[in-house]
Amino acid sequence: MIYPELLTRYPLISDQVSVAELRVILRELEKAVTGGVEGDVVEFGCYSGTTSLFIRRLLDAYDDHRAFHAYDSFAGLPPKTLEDKNAAGLDFKAGELAVSKKQFLRNFERAKLQPPITHKAWFNELTDQDVPAEIGFAFLDGDFYESIQTSLELVWSRLTKDAVVLVHDYNRETLPGVAQSVTDFLQHYHLHPQLQVEANIGILRPAKVK
């Protein structure tokens, strides 16, 4: 396993993802890479690039040249919907967590790493043409109900055999729309993937997607 060494060697550049969460993300990515899962890597919601940098480092460690796509508005969070309201307060307001695309790419330049194919758009502005035809690993960090719905709609039909989908903030009290969005999506399409939750990450393993 390479991912523990990466977590020891390199720092986190933001507080929006924890070491425990990164451990799960990188472990699942490494399993996909070493297990021969076909398809590209996608990340919906990349902020300043902490997770993105580690994804690139792991792919580089295995000399894995599959495409890596990152999607973000780079304009902060969108407005909440009713599903995102929580009893804990008014955390995460529209416009928060804004980081420019220029800053995101600069973080890759400083790390001397190749940046992902970077798409600047709100998720609901993306079309099928913006998403790879085959996806082997998807990390969804949209924070709100509609963002998770949209990203699931974009990636699910393109998942390859043994692909995995990771959803950040799955059990976060201040972001109730995330888990609700996953539940509603699966129920709407009568999908029954294996689902486990670890370190605030929802891990979806579709048994059969096509």
N, C-alpha and C. Protein backbone atom coordinates (compact mmCIF):
# COMPACT_ATOMS: atom_id res chain seq x y z
N MET A 1 0.84 -1.20 0.00
CA MET A 1 0.00 0.00 0.00
C MET A 1 0.88 1.25 0.00
N ILE A 2 0.51 2.17 -0.87
CA ILE A 2 1.27 3.41 -0.99
C ILE A 2 0.62 4.57 -0.25
N TYR A 3 -0.72 4.54 -0.14
CA TYR A 3 -1.40 5.73 0.37
C TYR A 3 -0.99 6.14 1.79
N PRO A 4 -0.67 5.22 2.73
CA PRO A 4 -0.24 5.69 4.05
C PRO A 4 1.03 6.53 3.99
N GLU A 5 1.95 6.15 3.11
CA GLU A 5 3.19 6.90 2.96
C GLU A 5 2.92 8.30 2.41
N LEU A 6 1.98 8.42 1.47
CA LEU A 6 1.64 9.72 0.92
C LEU A 6 1.06 10.64 1.99
N LEU A 7 0.22 10.08 2.85
CA LEU A 7 -0.40 10.88 3.91
C LEU A 7 0.63 11.34 4.94
N THR A 8 1.67 10.56 5.11
CA THR A 8 2.73 10.93 6.04
C THR A 8 3.65 11.98 5.43
N ARG A 9 3.88 11.88 4.15
CA ARG A 9 4.88 12.71 3.49
C ARG A 9 4.38 14.11 3.16
N TYR A 10 3.09 14.25 2.82
CA TYR A 10 2.60 15.52 2.29
C TYR A 10 1.55 16.14 3.21
N PRO A 11 1.52 17.47 3.32
CA PRO A 11 0.57 18.15 4.21
C PRO A 11 -0.78 18.37 3.54
N LEU A 12 -1.79 18.60 4.35
CA LEU A 12 -3.09 19.03 3.86
C LEU A 12 -3.04 20.55 3.68
N ILE A 13 -3.60 21.05 2.59
CA ILE A 13 -3.54 22.49 2.35
C ILE A 13 -4.85 23.20 2.69
N SER A 14 -5.82 22.47 3.24
CA SER A 14 -7.06 23.09 3.72
C SER A 14 -7.63 22.24 4.83
N ASP A 15 -8.65 22.77 5.48
CA ASP A 15 -9.28 22.04 6.58
C ASP A 15 -10.63 21.44 6.16
N GLN A 16 -10.89 21.37 4.86
CA GLN A 16 -12.18 20.87 4.39
C GLN A 16 -12.21 19.35 4.23
N VAL A 17 -11.09 18.72 4.43
CA VAL A 17 -11.03 17.26 4.44
C VAL A 17 -10.02 16.84 5.49
N SER A 18 -10.30 15.78 6.22
CA SER A 18 -9.42 15.33 7.30
C SER A 18 -8.50 14.22 6.83
N VAL A 19 -7.50 13.93 7.62
CA VAL A 19 -6.60 12.82 7.32
C VAL A 19 -7.38 11.51 7.30
N ALA A 20 -8.30 11.34 8.24
CA ALA A 20 -9.10 10.11 8.29
C ALA A 20 -9.93 9.95 7.03
N GLU A 21 -10.50 11.04 6.54
CA GLU A 21 -11.29 10.98 5.31
C GLU A 21 -10.40 10.70 4.10
N LEU A 22 -9.26 11.36 4.05
CA LEU A 22 -8.32 11.12 2.95
C LEU A 22 -7.84 9.67 2.93
N ARG A 23 -7.69 9.10 4.10
CA ARG A 23 -7.24 7.71 4.18
C ARG A 23 -8.25 6.80 3.47
N VAL A 24 -9.53 7.05 3.68
CA VAL A 24 -10.56 6.26 3.02
C VAL A 24 -10.56 6.51 1.51
N ILE A 25 -10.48 7.76 1.13
CA ILE A 25 -10.50 8.12 -0.30
C ILE A 25 -9.34 7.47 -1.04
N LEU A 26 -8.14 7.62 -0.50
CA LEU A 26 -6.96 7.08 -1.17
C LEU A 26 -6.91 5.56 -1.13
N ARG A 27 -7.40 4.98 -0.05
CA ARG A 27 -7.46 3.52 0.01
C ARG A 27 -8.35 2.96 -1.09
N GLU A 28 -9.51 3.58 -1.27
CA GLU A 28 -10.43 3.10 -2.30
C GLU A 28 -9.89 3.36 -3.70
N LEU A 29 -9.21 4.49 -3.90
CA LEU A 29 -8.60 4.75 -5.20
C LEU A 29 -7.50 3.74 -5.48
N GLU A 30 -6.68 3.45 -4.47
CA GLU A 30 -5.60 2.49 -4.67
C GLU A 30 -6.16 1.10 -4.99
N LYS A 31 -7.24 0.72 -4.35
CA LYS A 31 -7.86 -0.56 -4.65
C LYS A 31 -8.36 -0.61 -6.09
N ALA A 32 -8.90 0.50 -6.57
CA ALA A 32 -9.37 0.56 -7.95
C ALA A 32 -8.21 0.45 -8.93
N VAL A 33 -7.13 1.16 -8.64
CA VAL A 33 -5.97 1.15 -9.53
C VAL A 33 -5.32 -0.22 -9.56
N THR A 34 -5.05 -0.78 -8.39
CA THR A 34 -4.35 -2.07 -8.34
C THR A 34 -5.27 -3.23 -8.72
N GLY A 35 -6.57 -3.01 -8.61
CA GLY A 35 -7.52 -4.06 -8.95
C GLY A 35 -7.90 -4.10 -10.42
N GLY A 36 -7.32 -3.19 -11.20
CA GLY A 36 -7.58 -3.20 -12.63
C GLY A 36 -8.93 -2.64 -13.04
N VAL A 37 -9.52 -1.82 -12.17
CA VAL A 37 -10.80 -1.19 -12.53
C VAL A 37 -10.56 -0.19 -13.67
N GLU A 38 -11.32 -0.31 -14.73
CA GLU A 38 -11.16 0.57 -15.87
C GLU A 38 -11.98 1.85 -15.66
N GLY A 39 -11.61 2.88 -16.41
CA GLY A 39 -12.35 4.13 -16.35
C GLY A 39 -11.57 5.25 -15.71
N ASP A 40 -11.98 6.46 -16.02
CA ASP A 40 -11.30 7.65 -15.54
C ASP A 40 -11.68 7.99 -14.10
N VAL A 41 -10.98 8.96 -13.55
CA VAL A 41 -11.23 9.46 -12.19
C VAL A 41 -11.91 10.82 -12.29
N VAL A 42 -12.97 11.01 -11.52
CA VAL A 42 -13.66 12.31 -11.49
C VAL A 42 -13.82 12.77 -10.05
N GLU A 43 -13.71 14.08 -9.88
CA GLU A 43 -13.92 14.70 -8.57
C GLU A 43 -14.85 15.89 -8.75
N PHE A 44 -16.00 15.84 -8.10
CA PHE A 44 -16.98 16.92 -8.18
C PHE A 44 -16.93 17.73 -6.89
N GLY A 45 -16.34 18.92 -6.96
CA GLY A 45 -16.14 19.77 -5.80
C GLY A 45 -14.73 19.61 -5.29
N CYS A 46 -13.84 20.49 -5.74
CA CYS A 46 -12.42 20.29 -5.40
C CYS A 46 -11.84 21.40 -4.53
N TYR A 47 -12.56 22.52 -4.35
CA TYR A 47 -12.12 23.63 -3.50
C TYR A 47 -10.68 24.01 -3.86
N SER A 48 -9.77 24.05 -2.90
CA SER A 48 -8.39 24.49 -3.18
C SER A 48 -7.51 23.36 -3.70
N GLY A 49 -7.99 22.11 -3.60
CA GLY A 49 -7.27 21.01 -4.22
C GLY A 49 -6.59 20.03 -3.29
N THR A 50 -6.92 20.03 -2.01
CA THR A 50 -6.26 19.07 -1.10
C THR A 50 -6.45 17.64 -1.57
N THR A 51 -7.69 17.24 -1.77
CA THR A 51 -7.95 15.87 -2.23
C THR A 51 -7.40 15.65 -3.63
N SER A 52 -7.54 16.64 -4.47
CA SER A 52 -7.06 16.54 -5.86
C SER A 52 -5.57 16.25 -5.91
N LEU A 53 -4.81 16.94 -5.09
CA LEU A 53 -3.36 16.74 -5.06
C LEU A 53 -3.01 15.31 -4.67
N PHE A 54 -3.71 14.78 -3.67
CA PHE A 54 -3.42 13.41 -3.23
C PHE A 54 -3.86 12.38 -4.27
N ILE A 55 -4.96 12.64 -4.95
CA ILE A 55 -5.38 11.74 -6.03
C ILE A 55 -4.30 11.69 -7.10
N ARG A 56 -3.79 12.85 -7.49
CA ARG A 56 -2.73 12.88 -8.49
C ARG A 56 -1.47 12.17 -8.01
N ARG A 57 -1.11 12.37 -6.75
CA ARG A 57 0.10 11.72 -6.23
C ARG A 57 -0.03 10.19 -6.28
N LEU A 58 -1.21 9.69 -5.94
CA LEU A 58 -1.38 8.25 -5.95
C LEU A 58 -1.35 7.70 -7.38
N LEU A 59 -2.01 8.39 -8.30
CA LEU A 59 -1.97 7.96 -9.70
C LEU A 59 -0.54 7.98 -10.22
N ASP A 60 0.20 9.01 -9.88
CA ASP A 60 1.60 9.11 -10.33
C ASP A 60 2.45 7.99 -9.73
N ALA A 61 2.18 7.65 -8.47
CA ALA A 61 2.97 6.62 -7.81
C ALA A 61 2.85 5.28 -8.54
N TYR A 62 1.70 5.05 -9.17
CA TYR A 62 1.49 3.82 -9.92
C TYR A 62 1.72 4.01 -11.43
N ASP A 63 2.18 5.19 -11.81
CA ASP A 63 2.38 5.50 -13.22
C ASP A 63 1.10 5.22 -14.00
N ASP A 64 -0.01 5.59 -13.40
CA ASP A 64 -1.33 5.34 -13.97
C ASP A 64 -1.74 6.58 -14.77
N HIS A 65 -1.98 6.41 -16.05
CA HIS A 65 -2.21 7.55 -16.93
C HIS A 65 -3.68 7.75 -17.30
N ARG A 66 -4.57 7.17 -16.56
CA ARG A 66 -5.98 7.42 -16.86
C ARG A 66 -6.28 8.90 -16.63
N ALA A 67 -7.28 9.41 -17.32
CA ALA A 67 -7.63 10.82 -17.19
C ALA A 67 -8.23 11.11 -15.81
N PHE A 68 -7.95 12.29 -15.32
CA PHE A 68 -8.45 12.75 -14.03
C PHE A 68 -9.14 14.10 -14.28
N HIS A 69 -10.45 14.15 -14.02
CA HIS A 69 -11.24 15.35 -14.24
C HIS A 69 -11.69 15.93 -12.89
N ALA A 70 -11.58 17.24 -12.73
CA ALA A 70 -12.06 17.93 -11.53
C ALA A 70 -13.07 18.99 -11.93
N TYR A 71 -14.15 19.08 -11.16
CA TYR A 71 -15.25 19.99 -11.47
C TYR A 71 -15.53 20.89 -10.26
N ASP A 72 -15.66 22.18 -10.52
CA ASP A 72 -15.99 23.10 -9.43
C ASP A 72 -16.46 24.42 -10.06
N SER A 73 -17.34 25.11 -9.34
CA SER A 73 -17.76 26.44 -9.80
C SER A 73 -16.66 27.47 -9.56
N PHE A 74 -15.81 27.21 -8.58
CA PHE A 74 -14.79 28.16 -8.12
C PHE A 74 -15.42 29.49 -7.73
N ALA A 75 -16.71 29.42 -7.38
CA ALA A 75 -17.44 30.61 -6.95
C ALA A 75 -18.07 30.39 -5.58
N GLY A 76 -17.66 29.35 -4.89
CA GLY A 76 -18.22 29.05 -3.59
C GLY A 76 -19.47 28.20 -3.69
N LEU A 77 -20.15 28.06 -2.58
CA LEU A 77 -21.33 27.20 -2.52
C LEU A 77 -22.54 27.84 -3.19
N PRO A 78 -23.42 27.03 -3.77
CA PRO A 78 -24.68 27.55 -4.31
C PRO A 78 -25.67 27.76 -3.17
N PRO A 79 -26.84 28.32 -3.46
CA PRO A 79 -27.86 28.46 -2.43
C PRO A 79 -28.36 27.10 -1.95
N LYS A 80 -28.81 27.05 -0.70
CA LYS A 80 -29.37 25.82 -0.16
C LYS A 80 -30.79 25.61 -0.66
N THR A 81 -31.24 24.37 -0.59
CA THR A 81 -32.64 24.04 -0.80
C THR A 81 -33.21 23.59 0.55
N LEU A 82 -34.48 23.27 0.57
CA LEU A 82 -35.12 22.88 1.82
C LEU A 82 -34.46 21.65 2.44
N GLU A 83 -33.98 20.74 1.59
CA GLU A 83 -33.36 19.52 2.08
C GLU A 83 -32.06 19.78 2.84
N ASP A 84 -31.49 20.96 2.65
CA ASP A 84 -30.21 21.29 3.28
C ASP A 84 -30.36 22.01 4.62
N LYS A 85 -31.58 22.36 4.99
CA LYS A 85 -31.79 23.06 6.25
C LYS A 85 -31.47 22.14 7.42
N ASN A 86 -30.82 22.70 8.44
CA ASN A 86 -30.46 21.87 9.58
C ASN A 86 -30.71 22.61 10.88
N ALA A 87 -30.84 21.85 11.95
CA ALA A 87 -31.14 22.43 13.26
C ALA A 87 -29.90 22.98 13.94
N ALA A 88 -28.75 22.72 13.37
CA ALA A 88 -27.49 23.12 14.02
C ALA A 88 -27.13 24.58 13.75
N GLY A 89 -27.84 25.22 12.84
CA GLY A 89 -27.52 26.62 12.57
C GLY A 89 -27.44 26.91 11.09
N LEU A 90 -26.83 28.03 10.76
CA LEU A 90 -26.77 28.51 9.38
C LEU A 90 -25.39 28.32 8.78
N ASP A 91 -24.77 27.18 9.05
CA ASP A 91 -23.45 26.91 8.49
C ASP A 91 -23.53 26.80 6.98
N PHE A 92 -22.43 27.09 6.34
CA PHE A 92 -22.30 26.90 4.90
C PHE A 92 -23.33 27.71 4.11
N LYS A 93 -23.08 28.99 4.02
CA LYS A 93 -23.96 29.88 3.27
C LYS A 93 -23.50 29.98 1.82
N ALA A 94 -24.41 30.41 0.96
CA ALA A 94 -24.09 30.59 -0.46
C ALA A 94 -22.90 31.53 -0.61
N GLY A 95 -21.97 31.14 -1.46
CA GLY A 95 -20.78 31.96 -1.72
C GLY A 95 -19.59 31.61 -0.85
N GLU A 96 -19.81 30.85 0.23
CA GLU A 96 -18.68 30.45 1.06
C GLU A 96 -17.83 29.41 0.33
N LEU A 97 -16.60 29.27 0.77
CA LEU A 97 -15.64 28.29 0.23
C LEU A 97 -15.30 28.57 -1.24
N ALA A 98 -15.21 29.85 -1.56
CA ALA A 98 -14.82 30.22 -2.92
C ALA A 98 -13.29 30.26 -3.04
N VAL A 99 -12.76 29.55 -4.00
CA VAL A 99 -11.34 29.57 -4.34
C VAL A 99 -11.25 29.65 -5.86
N SER A 100 -10.44 30.54 -6.38
CA SER A 100 -10.37 30.72 -7.82
C SER A 100 -9.73 29.51 -8.51
N LYS A 101 -10.09 29.33 -9.76
CA LYS A 101 -9.46 28.27 -10.55
C LYS A 101 -7.96 28.53 -10.67
N LYS A 102 -7.59 29.79 -10.75
CA LYS A 102 -6.17 30.15 -10.83
C LYS A 102 -5.42 29.67 -9.59
N GLN A 103 -6.01 29.86 -8.41
CA GLN A 103 -5.37 29.41 -7.18
C GLN A 103 -5.29 27.89 -7.12
N PHE A 104 -6.35 27.23 -7.56
CA PHE A 104 -6.37 25.77 -7.60
C PHE A 104 -5.22 25.25 -8.46
N LEU A 105 -5.06 25.81 -9.64
CA LEU A 105 -4.00 25.37 -10.54
C LEU A 105 -2.62 25.75 -10.00
N ARG A 106 -2.55 26.87 -9.31
CA ARG A 106 -1.26 27.29 -8.73
C ARG A 106 -0.81 26.29 -7.67
N ASN A 107 -1.75 25.72 -6.93
CA ASN A 107 -1.38 24.73 -5.92
C ASN A 107 -0.75 23.50 -6.56
N PHE A 108 -1.21 23.13 -7.73
CA PHE A 108 -0.57 22.03 -8.46
C PHE A 108 0.81 22.44 -8.97
N GLU A 109 0.92 23.66 -9.42
CA GLU A 109 2.22 24.14 -9.90
C GLU A 109 3.24 24.14 -8.77
N ARG A 110 2.84 24.59 -7.61
CA ARG A 110 3.74 24.61 -6.46
C ARG A 110 4.16 23.21 -6.05
N ALA A 111 3.25 22.26 -6.19
CA ALA A 111 3.55 20.87 -5.82
C ALA A 111 4.28 20.14 -6.94
N LYS A 112 4.47 20.83 -8.07
CA LYS A 112 5.13 20.21 -9.24
C LYS A 112 4.37 18.97 -9.71
N LEU A 113 3.06 19.10 -9.78
CA LEU A 113 2.21 18.01 -10.22
C LEU A 113 1.36 18.46 -11.41
N GLN A 114 1.02 17.52 -12.25
CA GLN A 114 0.15 17.81 -13.38
C GLN A 114 -1.27 18.02 -12.87
N PRO A 115 -1.90 19.14 -13.20
CA PRO A 115 -3.27 19.35 -12.73
C PRO A 115 -4.25 18.46 -13.46
N PRO A 116 -5.40 18.23 -12.87
CA PRO A 116 -6.43 17.46 -13.58
C PRO A 116 -7.01 18.28 -14.73
N ILE A 117 -7.79 17.63 -15.58
CA ILE A 117 -8.57 18.36 -16.56
C ILE A 117 -9.64 19.10 -15.77
N THR A 118 -9.53 20.41 -15.73
CA THR A 118 -10.31 21.20 -14.77
C THR A 118 -11.48 21.90 -15.45
N HIS A 119 -12.69 21.66 -14.94
CA HIS A 119 -13.91 22.21 -15.52
C HIS A 119 -14.48 23.25 -14.55
N LYS A 120 -14.58 24.48 -14.99
CA LYS A 120 -15.14 25.54 -14.17
C LYS A 120 -16.60 25.74 -14.56
N ALA A 121 -17.51 25.28 -13.69
CA ALA A 121 -18.95 25.40 -13.97
C ALA A 121 -19.73 24.96 -12.74
N TRP A 122 -20.94 25.46 -12.61
CA TRP A 122 -21.87 24.88 -11.65
C TRP A 122 -22.23 23.49 -12.15
N PHE A 123 -22.46 22.57 -11.28
CA PHE A 123 -22.71 21.20 -11.70
C PHE A 123 -23.91 21.11 -12.64
N ASN A 124 -24.95 21.92 -12.38
CA ASN A 124 -26.14 21.84 -13.22
C ASN A 124 -25.94 22.48 -14.60
N GLU A 125 -24.77 23.06 -14.84
CA GLU A 125 -24.44 23.57 -16.17
C GLU A 125 -23.70 22.54 -17.02
N LEU A 126 -23.25 21.48 -16.39
CA LEU A 126 -22.49 20.45 -17.09
C LEU A 126 -23.42 19.57 -17.92
N THR A 127 -22.88 19.06 -19.02
CA THR A 127 -23.63 18.14 -19.87
C THR A 127 -22.89 16.80 -19.94
N ASP A 128 -23.49 15.85 -20.60
CA ASP A 128 -22.85 14.55 -20.75
C ASP A 128 -21.50 14.66 -21.46
N GLN A 129 -21.36 15.65 -22.32
CA GLN A 129 -20.11 15.83 -23.05
C GLN A 129 -18.96 16.28 -22.16
N ASP A 130 -19.28 16.78 -20.97
CA ASP A 130 -18.24 17.24 -20.04
C ASP A 130 -17.71 16.12 -19.15
N VAL A 131 -18.32 14.96 -19.23
CA VAL A 131 -17.99 13.86 -18.31
C VAL A 131 -17.42 12.68 -19.12
N PRO A 132 -16.40 12.00 -18.61
CA PRO A 132 -15.82 10.86 -19.33
C PRO A 132 -16.87 9.79 -19.64
N ALA A 133 -16.65 9.09 -20.74
CA ALA A 133 -17.58 8.03 -21.13
C ALA A 133 -17.53 6.85 -20.17
N GLU A 134 -16.37 6.63 -19.54
CA GLU A 134 -16.22 5.54 -18.58
C GLU A 134 -15.55 6.07 -17.32
N ILE A 135 -16.14 5.76 -16.18
CA ILE A 135 -15.65 6.26 -14.90
C ILE A 135 -15.40 5.08 -13.97
N GLY A 136 -14.20 5.01 -13.43
CA GLY A 136 -13.86 3.93 -12.51
C GLY A 136 -13.83 4.35 -11.05
N PHE A 137 -13.70 5.68 -10.83
CA PHE A 137 -13.63 6.19 -9.45
C PHE A 137 -14.22 7.60 -9.46
N ALA A 138 -15.19 7.82 -8.58
CA ALA A 138 -15.82 9.14 -8.48
C ALA A 138 -15.84 9.59 -7.03
N PHE A 139 -15.37 10.82 -6.81
CA PHE A 139 -15.43 11.42 -5.48
C PHE A 139 -16.34 12.63 -5.57
N LEU A 140 -17.45 12.60 -4.82
CA LEU A 140 -18.45 13.65 -4.89
C LEU A 140 -18.44 14.46 -3.59
N ASP A 141 -18.14 15.75 -3.74
CA ASP A 141 -18.04 16.64 -2.57
C ASP A 141 -18.82 17.91 -2.83
N GLY A 142 -20.13 17.72 -3.11
CA GLY A 142 -20.96 18.86 -3.47
C GLY A 142 -21.62 19.57 -2.31
N ASP A 143 -21.59 19.00 -1.12
CA ASP A 143 -22.07 19.62 0.12
C ASP A 143 -23.60 19.70 0.24
N PHE A 144 -24.28 20.02 -0.85
CA PHE A 144 -25.73 20.25 -0.79
C PHE A 144 -26.51 19.22 -1.62
N TYR A 145 -27.79 19.14 -1.33
CA TYR A 145 -28.68 18.15 -1.93
C TYR A 145 -28.63 18.16 -3.46
N GLU A 146 -28.86 19.30 -4.07
CA GLU A 146 -28.95 19.35 -5.52
C GLU A 146 -27.61 19.08 -6.19
N SER A 147 -26.53 19.51 -5.56
CA SER A 147 -25.20 19.26 -6.13
C SER A 147 -24.89 17.77 -6.16
N ILE A 148 -25.27 17.06 -5.10
CA ILE A 148 -25.04 15.62 -5.06
C ILE A 148 -25.96 14.93 -6.08
N GLN A 149 -27.23 15.35 -6.16
CA GLN A 149 -28.14 14.77 -7.15
C GLN A 149 -27.57 14.91 -8.56
N THR A 150 -27.13 16.10 -8.89
CA THR A 150 -26.64 16.38 -10.24
C THR A 150 -25.40 15.55 -10.55
N SER A 151 -24.47 15.49 -9.60
CA SER A 151 -23.24 14.73 -9.86
C SER A 151 -23.52 13.23 -9.97
N LEU A 152 -24.44 12.71 -9.16
CA LEU A 152 -24.83 11.31 -9.29
C LEU A 152 -25.46 11.04 -10.66
N GLU A 153 -26.31 11.95 -11.11
CA GLU A 153 -26.94 11.80 -12.43
C GLU A 153 -25.88 11.77 -13.53
N LEU A 154 -24.86 12.57 -13.38
CA LEU A 154 -23.83 12.67 -14.42
C LEU A 154 -22.93 11.44 -14.48
N VAL A 155 -22.67 10.83 -13.32
CA VAL A 155 -21.66 9.76 -13.32
C VAL A 155 -22.24 8.35 -13.34
N TRP A 156 -23.44 8.14 -12.82
CA TRP A 156 -23.87 6.78 -12.52
C TRP A 156 -23.92 5.87 -13.74
N SER A 157 -24.49 6.33 -14.83
CA SER A 157 -24.63 5.48 -16.01
C SER A 157 -23.30 5.21 -16.69
N ARG A 158 -22.24 5.90 -16.27
CA ARG A 158 -20.93 5.76 -16.90
C ARG A 158 -19.95 4.94 -16.06
N LEU A 159 -20.42 4.44 -14.93
CA LEU A 159 -19.56 3.65 -14.06
C LEU A 159 -19.22 2.31 -14.71
N THR A 160 -17.96 1.93 -14.61
CA THR A 160 -17.51 0.67 -15.16
C THR A 160 -17.66 -0.45 -14.14
N LYS A 161 -17.36 -1.66 -14.56
CA LYS A 161 -17.43 -2.81 -13.66
C LYS A 161 -16.49 -2.60 -12.47
N ASP A 162 -17.03 -2.77 -11.27
CA ASP A 162 -16.28 -2.64 -10.01
C ASP A 162 -15.89 -1.20 -9.70
N ALA A 163 -16.49 -0.24 -10.38
CA ALA A 163 -16.25 1.17 -10.04
C ALA A 163 -16.77 1.47 -8.64
N VAL A 164 -16.27 2.57 -8.07
CA VAL A 164 -16.70 2.96 -6.73
C VAL A 164 -17.02 4.46 -6.73
N VAL A 165 -18.04 4.82 -5.97
CA VAL A 165 -18.44 6.22 -5.82
C VAL A 165 -18.33 6.58 -4.34
N LEU A 166 -17.58 7.63 -4.04
CA LEU A 166 -17.43 8.10 -2.66
C LEU A 166 -18.13 9.45 -2.51
N VAL A 167 -18.92 9.59 -1.45
CA VAL A 167 -19.67 10.82 -1.20
C VAL A 167 -19.21 11.42 0.13
N HIS A 168 -18.64 12.61 0.05
CA HIS A 168 -18.12 13.27 1.24
C HIS A 168 -19.26 13.86 2.07
N ASP A 169 -19.04 14.02 3.36
CA ASP A 169 -19.99 14.63 4.30
C ASP A 169 -21.28 13.82 4.44
N TYR A 170 -21.18 12.52 4.29
CA TYR A 170 -22.38 11.69 4.28
C TYR A 170 -23.15 11.74 5.60
N ASN A 171 -22.45 11.83 6.70
CA ASN A 171 -23.12 11.84 8.01
C ASN A 171 -22.94 13.15 8.76
N ARG A 172 -22.70 14.22 8.04
CA ARG A 172 -22.43 15.50 8.69
C ARG A 172 -23.74 16.18 9.08
N GLU A 173 -23.87 16.51 10.35
CA GLU A 173 -25.13 17.05 10.88
C GLU A 173 -25.51 18.35 10.18
N THR A 174 -24.53 19.17 9.86
CA THR A 174 -24.82 20.47 9.25
C THR A 174 -25.07 20.39 7.75
N LEU A 175 -24.92 19.21 7.17
CA LEU A 175 -25.16 19.04 5.73
C LEU A 175 -26.10 17.84 5.51
N PRO A 176 -27.32 17.92 6.02
CA PRO A 176 -28.24 16.78 5.94
C PRO A 176 -28.67 16.44 4.52
N GLY A 177 -28.54 17.38 3.61
CA GLY A 177 -28.97 17.14 2.24
C GLY A 177 -28.14 16.11 1.51
N VAL A 178 -26.91 15.88 1.97
CA VAL A 178 -26.02 14.96 1.27
C VAL A 178 -26.57 13.53 1.32
N ALA A 179 -26.76 12.99 2.51
CA ALA A 179 -27.27 11.62 2.64
C ALA A 179 -28.68 11.50 2.08
N GLN A 180 -29.50 12.53 2.27
CA GLN A 180 -30.87 12.49 1.74
C GLN A 180 -30.86 12.42 0.21
N SER A 181 -29.93 13.14 -0.39
CA SER A 181 -29.81 13.14 -1.84
C SER A 181 -29.45 11.76 -2.37
N VAL A 182 -28.50 11.10 -1.71
CA VAL A 182 -28.11 9.75 -2.11
C VAL A 182 -29.30 8.80 -1.98
N THR A 183 -29.99 8.86 -0.85
CA THR A 183 -31.15 8.00 -0.62
C THR A 183 -32.22 8.21 -1.69
N ASP A 184 -32.53 9.46 -1.98
CA ASP A 184 -33.57 9.76 -2.97
C ASP A 184 -33.16 9.31 -4.36
N PHE A 185 -31.91 9.48 -4.71
CA PHE A 185 -31.41 9.07 -6.02
C PHE A 185 -31.54 7.56 -6.19
N LEU A 186 -31.09 6.81 -5.20
CA LEU A 186 -31.13 5.36 -5.28
C LEU A 186 -32.57 4.84 -5.33
N GLN A 187 -33.44 5.45 -4.54
CA GLN A 187 -34.83 5.02 -4.53
C GLN A 187 -35.52 5.34 -5.85
N HIS A 188 -35.24 6.51 -6.40
CA HIS A 188 -35.87 6.94 -7.65
C HIS A 188 -35.55 5.98 -8.80
N TYR A 189 -34.31 5.52 -8.84
CA TYR A 189 -33.88 4.64 -9.94
C TYR A 189 -33.88 3.16 -9.54
N HIS A 190 -34.41 2.87 -8.35
CA HIS A 190 -34.50 1.48 -7.87
C HIS A 190 -33.13 0.80 -7.90
N LEU A 191 -32.14 1.51 -7.37
CA LEU A 191 -30.77 1.01 -7.33
C LEU A 191 -30.47 0.47 -5.94
N HIS A 192 -29.69 -0.59 -5.89
CA HIS A 192 -29.37 -1.23 -4.61
C HIS A 192 -27.88 -1.54 -4.52
N PRO A 193 -27.05 -0.52 -4.55
CA PRO A 193 -25.61 -0.77 -4.42
C PRO A 193 -25.25 -1.11 -2.98
N GLN A 194 -24.09 -1.72 -2.81
CA GLN A 194 -23.56 -1.89 -1.47
C GLN A 194 -23.19 -0.51 -0.94
N LEU A 195 -23.61 -0.19 0.28
CA LEU A 195 -23.34 1.12 0.87
C LEU A 195 -22.73 0.94 2.25
N GLN A 196 -21.59 1.54 2.46
CA GLN A 196 -21.02 1.59 3.80
C GLN A 196 -20.57 3.01 4.07
N VAL A 197 -20.51 3.36 5.34
CA VAL A 197 -20.10 4.71 5.73
C VAL A 197 -18.90 4.60 6.65
N GLU A 198 -17.86 5.34 6.31
CA GLU A 198 -16.63 5.30 7.09
C GLU A 198 -16.00 6.68 7.08
N ALA A 199 -15.70 7.18 8.26
CA ALA A 199 -15.03 8.48 8.40
C ALA A 199 -15.75 9.57 7.62
N ASN A 200 -17.08 9.59 7.73
CA ASN A 200 -17.88 10.64 7.10
C ASN A 200 -17.94 10.51 5.57
N ILE A 201 -17.54 9.35 5.05
CA ILE A 201 -17.58 9.10 3.62
C ILE A 201 -18.58 7.99 3.33
N GLY A 202 -19.53 8.27 2.44
CA GLY A 202 -20.43 7.23 1.97
C GLY A 202 -19.78 6.52 0.79
N ILE A 203 -19.62 5.21 0.89
CA ILE A 203 -18.95 4.42 -0.15
C ILE A 203 -19.99 3.57 -0.85
N LEU A 204 -20.20 3.84 -2.13
CA LEU A 204 -21.20 3.13 -2.93
C LEU A 204 -20.50 2.20 -3.91
N ARG A 205 -20.86 0.93 -3.86
CA ARG A 205 -20.27 -0.06 -4.76
C ARG A 205 -21.41 -0.70 -5.57
N PRO A 206 -21.66 -0.19 -6.73
CA PRO A 206 -22.73 -0.75 -7.57
C PRO A 206 -22.37 -2.18 -7.98
N ALA A 207 -23.27 -3.09 -7.72
CA ALA A 207 -23.01 -4.49 -8.09
C ALA A 207 -23.06 -4.64 -9.61
N LYS A 208 -23.98 -3.91 -10.22
CA LYS A 208 -24.10 -3.95 -11.67
C LYS A 208 -24.70 -2.63 -12.12
N VAL A 209 -24.01 -1.93 -13.01
CA VAL A 209 -24.46 -0.59 -13.38
C VAL A 209 -24.92 -0.50 -14.81
N LYS A 210 -24.69 -1.55 -15.63
CA LYS A 210 -25.10 -1.48 -17.04
C LYS A 210 -25.81 -2.76 -17.42
